[in-house]
Amino acid sequence: MVPYSPIEKTYPRQGIGANGKLAKACTFVLMAKETEITEAPFRNKVAESGLLTLDLAAYIPQKESLVFFDLKPFLFREMILREKDFRAALLEQNWELFAGKHIALGCSVDAVIPVWAYMLCSSYLQPHAVSVHFCSLAALEGIVIGEAISKINLAEFEGQRVVLKGCGDVAVPAPAYVAATSILRPVVKSLMYGEPCSTVPVYKQSSKR
């Protein structure tokens, strides 16, 4: 029970004195209830939930690092591959321009390109480029993201409840989520999509496992 304590106050107004006459001032003793205002400590329910959030935006390459190497300019009339001319043209190419880049190797015209021609281009690109892939530029981003995600340290997520962040300043393409799900599912306790405060369940480890 909250205790009461006496508070003495003098009010400058007329009242009835002990002799029954008017007094200029009266002293009143009041019983005031002592109350204590306490604030409940802040609880970070997100932190207490034990969820690990993985932001896949960190694995998205810079747009300028993705380059399409087109064989079209190296073809005769941009249609026919002549081996001697093709090899000579490749020798004149400045391959250092592709340093630090991820390369999508292909041909933008419907020409007959022998396999060795792609192999030859790849051999020139390899010492300079970060990676070389036979694909379109549109597909390159997904491949590069998948390779980066495959290097995740799975020990950090083993037996954990993991949320793949679904909202952010950087748009994360679907291939990133597919790659992350594939690599994390065998080791996590559960996998979700979204934010810690609002998640969509994707996978939950069976209790019989």
Protein backbone atom coordinates (compact mmCIF):
# COMPACT_ATOMS: atom_id res chain seq x y z
CA MET A 1 0.00 0.00 0.00
CA VAL A 2 1.32 3.45 -0.86
CA PRO A 3 1.80 5.44 2.42
CA TYR A 4 0.29 8.82 3.22
CA SER A 5 2.33 11.65 4.70
CA PRO A 6 1.08 14.88 6.33
CA ILE A 7 1.67 18.09 4.42
CA GLU A 8 1.18 21.34 6.31
CA LYS A 9 0.00 24.32 4.32
CA THR A 10 -1.08 27.80 5.39
CA TYR A 11 -3.69 29.52 3.30
CA PRO A 12 -3.94 33.35 3.52
CA ARG A 13 -7.70 33.50 3.88
CA GLN A 14 -10.18 33.78 6.71
CA GLY A 15 -11.28 30.72 8.67
CA ILE A 16 -12.69 29.68 12.06
CA GLY A 17 -10.17 29.78 14.91
CA ALA A 18 -10.06 27.61 18.03
CA ASN A 19 -11.97 30.31 20.00
CA GLY A 20 -14.74 30.28 17.49
CA LYS A 21 -13.78 33.68 16.10
CA LEU A 22 -12.62 34.57 12.66
CA ALA A 23 -8.93 34.19 12.14
CA LYS A 24 -6.90 35.89 9.46
CA ALA A 25 -5.15 32.75 8.55
CA CYS A 26 -5.71 29.11 9.15
CA THR A 27 -3.34 26.24 9.00
CA PHE A 28 -4.65 23.07 7.47
CA VAL A 29 -2.99 19.70 7.79
CA LEU A 30 -3.63 17.61 4.74
CA MET A 31 -2.87 14.01 4.10
CA ALA A 32 -1.30 13.70 0.70
CA LYS A 33 -0.78 10.40 -1.02
CA GLU A 34 2.78 9.78 -1.94
CA THR A 35 2.92 8.31 -5.41
CA GLU A 36 5.90 7.01 -7.23
CA ILE A 37 5.92 7.32 -11.01
CA THR A 38 8.01 4.59 -12.46
CA GLU A 39 8.60 3.94 -16.14
CA ALA A 40 8.82 0.42 -17.41
CA PRO A 41 12.29 -0.25 -18.82
CA PHE A 42 12.49 -0.21 -22.62
CA ARG A 43 12.59 -3.66 -24.11
CA ASN A 44 13.98 -4.23 -27.55
CA LYS A 45 11.79 -7.15 -28.54
CA VAL A 46 13.57 -7.48 -31.86
CA ALA A 47 16.90 -7.94 -30.12
CA GLU A 48 15.35 -10.34 -27.61
CA SER A 49 13.86 -12.46 -30.38
CA GLY A 50 17.25 -13.94 -31.23
CA LEU A 51 16.79 -13.37 -34.96
CA LEU A 52 19.77 -12.87 -37.25
CA THR A 53 19.13 -10.51 -40.16
CA LEU A 54 21.06 -11.01 -43.39
CA ASP A 55 21.00 -8.11 -45.86
CA LEU A 56 21.68 -9.51 -49.32
CA ALA A 57 22.28 -6.02 -50.70
CA ALA A 58 25.87 -6.42 -49.51
CA TYR A 59 26.39 -9.12 -52.16
CA ILE A 60 25.13 -7.12 -55.14
CA PRO A 61 27.95 -6.00 -57.46
CA GLN A 62 28.28 -2.45 -58.71
CA LYS A 63 26.62 -1.98 -62.10
CA GLU A 64 29.85 -0.64 -63.64
CA SER A 65 31.64 -3.86 -62.73
CA LEU A 66 29.38 -5.89 -65.05
CA VAL A 67 30.50 -5.82 -68.70
CA PHE A 68 29.32 -7.56 -71.84
CA PHE A 69 32.15 -8.63 -74.16
CA ASP A 70 30.58 -8.83 -77.60
CA LEU A 71 32.25 -10.83 -80.39
CA LYS A 72 30.30 -8.93 -83.02
CA PRO A 73 32.95 -6.20 -83.67
CA PHE A 74 35.58 -8.89 -84.26
CA LEU A 75 33.67 -10.57 -87.10
CA PHE A 76 34.05 -9.89 -90.81
CA ARG A 77 31.22 -7.52 -91.69
CA GLU A 78 30.05 -8.24 -88.17
CA MET A 79 28.61 -11.52 -89.41
CA ILE A 80 31.33 -14.00 -90.35
CA LEU A 81 34.22 -15.29 -88.27
CA ARG A 82 37.45 -15.54 -90.23
CA GLU A 83 40.01 -17.18 -88.00
CA LYS A 84 43.06 -15.20 -89.16
CA ASP A 85 41.29 -11.83 -88.97
CA PHE A 86 39.63 -12.76 -85.71
CA ARG A 87 42.90 -13.65 -84.03
CA ALA A 88 44.57 -10.48 -85.33
CA ALA A 89 41.73 -8.32 -84.00
CA LEU A 90 41.98 -9.90 -80.57
CA LEU A 91 45.71 -9.16 -80.44
CA GLU A 92 44.97 -5.46 -80.96
CA GLN A 93 42.40 -5.36 -78.15
CA ASN A 94 43.40 -3.56 -74.93
CA TRP A 95 42.53 -6.23 -72.38
CA GLU A 96 43.50 -4.10 -69.41
CA LEU A 97 40.19 -2.27 -69.87
CA PHE A 98 38.51 -5.29 -68.28
CA ALA A 99 40.58 -5.28 -65.10
CA GLY A 100 38.40 -5.79 -62.03
CA LYS A 101 35.29 -6.51 -64.12
CA HIS A 102 32.85 -9.40 -64.29
CA ILE A 103 32.47 -10.40 -67.94
CA ALA A 104 29.47 -11.76 -69.79
CA LEU A 105 30.88 -13.32 -72.97
CA GLY A 106 28.66 -13.64 -76.01
CA CYS A 107 27.70 -12.42 -79.47
CA SER A 108 24.86 -10.00 -80.14
CA VAL A 109 24.31 -11.14 -83.75
CA ASP A 110 23.02 -14.44 -85.04
CA ALA A 111 26.34 -15.67 -86.40
CA VAL A 112 27.96 -19.09 -86.38
CA ILE A 113 30.64 -18.87 -83.68
CA PRO A 114 32.85 -21.91 -83.07
CA VAL A 115 33.44 -22.90 -79.44
CA TRP A 116 37.18 -22.27 -79.67
CA ALA A 117 36.50 -18.57 -80.41
CA TYR A 118 34.81 -18.12 -77.04
CA MET A 119 37.61 -20.07 -75.41
CA LEU A 120 40.19 -17.79 -77.05
CA CYS A 121 38.44 -14.66 -75.79
CA SER A 122 38.18 -16.14 -72.31
CA SER A 123 41.92 -16.88 -72.27
CA TYR A 124 42.66 -13.20 -73.00
CA LEU A 125 40.15 -11.95 -70.44
CA GLN A 126 41.05 -14.26 -67.57
CA PRO A 127 44.32 -12.55 -66.42
CA HIS A 128 42.49 -9.23 -66.03
CA ALA A 129 38.82 -9.89 -65.24
CA VAL A 130 37.44 -10.96 -61.87
CA SER A 131 35.31 -13.59 -63.58
CA VAL A 132 34.26 -14.61 -67.09
CA HIS A 133 30.92 -16.25 -67.92
CA PHE A 134 29.21 -17.36 -71.11
CA CYS A 135 25.89 -15.59 -70.65
CA SER A 136 23.91 -12.43 -71.34
CA LEU A 137 24.54 -9.24 -69.43
CA ALA A 138 21.10 -9.58 -67.83
CA ALA A 139 22.00 -13.02 -66.45
CA LEU A 140 25.47 -11.97 -65.29
CA GLU A 141 24.29 -10.15 -62.17
CA GLY A 142 22.48 -13.20 -60.83
CA ILE A 143 25.52 -15.41 -61.46
CA VAL A 144 27.89 -13.02 -59.70
CA ILE A 145 25.54 -12.64 -56.74
CA GLY A 146 25.22 -16.42 -56.47
CA GLU A 147 28.99 -16.84 -56.42
CA ALA A 148 29.35 -14.21 -53.69
CA ILE A 149 26.60 -15.76 -51.55
CA SER A 150 28.15 -19.21 -51.90
CA LYS A 151 31.14 -17.90 -49.92
CA ILE A 152 29.04 -17.04 -46.84
CA ASN A 153 30.50 -18.40 -43.60
CA LEU A 154 27.79 -20.92 -42.73
CA ALA A 155 29.17 -21.43 -39.23
CA GLU A 156 27.74 -18.02 -38.26
CA PHE A 157 24.21 -19.14 -39.14
CA GLU A 158 24.23 -22.75 -37.98
CA GLY A 159 21.24 -23.45 -35.75
CA GLN A 160 20.08 -19.83 -35.93
CA ARG A 161 16.76 -18.19 -36.79
CA VAL A 162 17.58 -16.15 -39.88
CA VAL A 163 15.67 -13.37 -41.63
CA LEU A 164 16.60 -12.42 -45.19
CA LYS A 165 15.98 -8.68 -45.25
CA GLY A 166 13.19 -7.81 -47.63
CA CYS A 167 13.23 -4.02 -47.67
CA GLY A 168 16.06 -1.59 -48.21
CA ASP A 169 17.49 1.23 -50.26
CA VAL A 170 18.97 -1.24 -52.76
CA ALA A 171 16.66 -3.54 -54.73
CA VAL A 172 17.76 -7.15 -54.35
CA PRO A 173 16.93 -9.41 -57.34
CA ALA A 174 15.13 -12.72 -56.86
CA PRO A 175 18.19 -14.85 -57.79
CA ALA A 176 19.92 -13.57 -54.64
CA TYR A 177 17.13 -14.83 -52.39
CA VAL A 178 17.03 -18.18 -54.19
CA ALA A 179 20.80 -18.62 -53.80
CA ALA A 180 20.73 -17.63 -50.13
CA THR A 181 17.83 -19.99 -49.38
CA SER A 182 19.63 -22.87 -51.06
CA ILE A 183 22.83 -22.41 -49.09
CA LEU A 184 21.29 -21.56 -45.70
CA ARG A 185 18.46 -24.09 -45.48
CA PRO A 186 20.66 -27.08 -44.53
CA VAL A 187 22.15 -25.31 -41.50
CA VAL A 188 19.61 -22.83 -40.05
CA LYS A 189 16.93 -23.51 -37.46
CA SER A 190 14.44 -21.41 -39.39
CA LEU A 191 14.45 -19.08 -42.37
CA MET A 192 12.21 -16.08 -42.91
CA TYR A 193 11.76 -13.18 -45.32
CA GLY A 194 11.07 -9.54 -44.45
CA GLU A 195 11.96 -7.59 -41.31
CA PRO A 196 12.39 -8.88 -37.72
CA CYS A 197 9.17 -7.06 -36.78
CA SER A 198 7.22 -8.55 -39.69
CA THR A 199 8.38 -11.79 -41.27
CA VAL A 200 7.10 -14.38 -43.72
CA PRO A 201 8.10 -17.94 -42.74
CA VAL A 202 9.95 -19.88 -45.42
CA TYR A 203 11.47 -22.85 -43.63
CA LYS A 204 11.46 -24.32 -40.13
CA GLN A 205 13.64 -27.18 -39.03
CA SER A 206 11.73 -30.28 -38.02
CA SER A 207 11.87 -31.11 -34.30
CA LYS A 208 12.60 -34.72 -35.26
CA ARG A 209 15.76 -33.75 -37.10
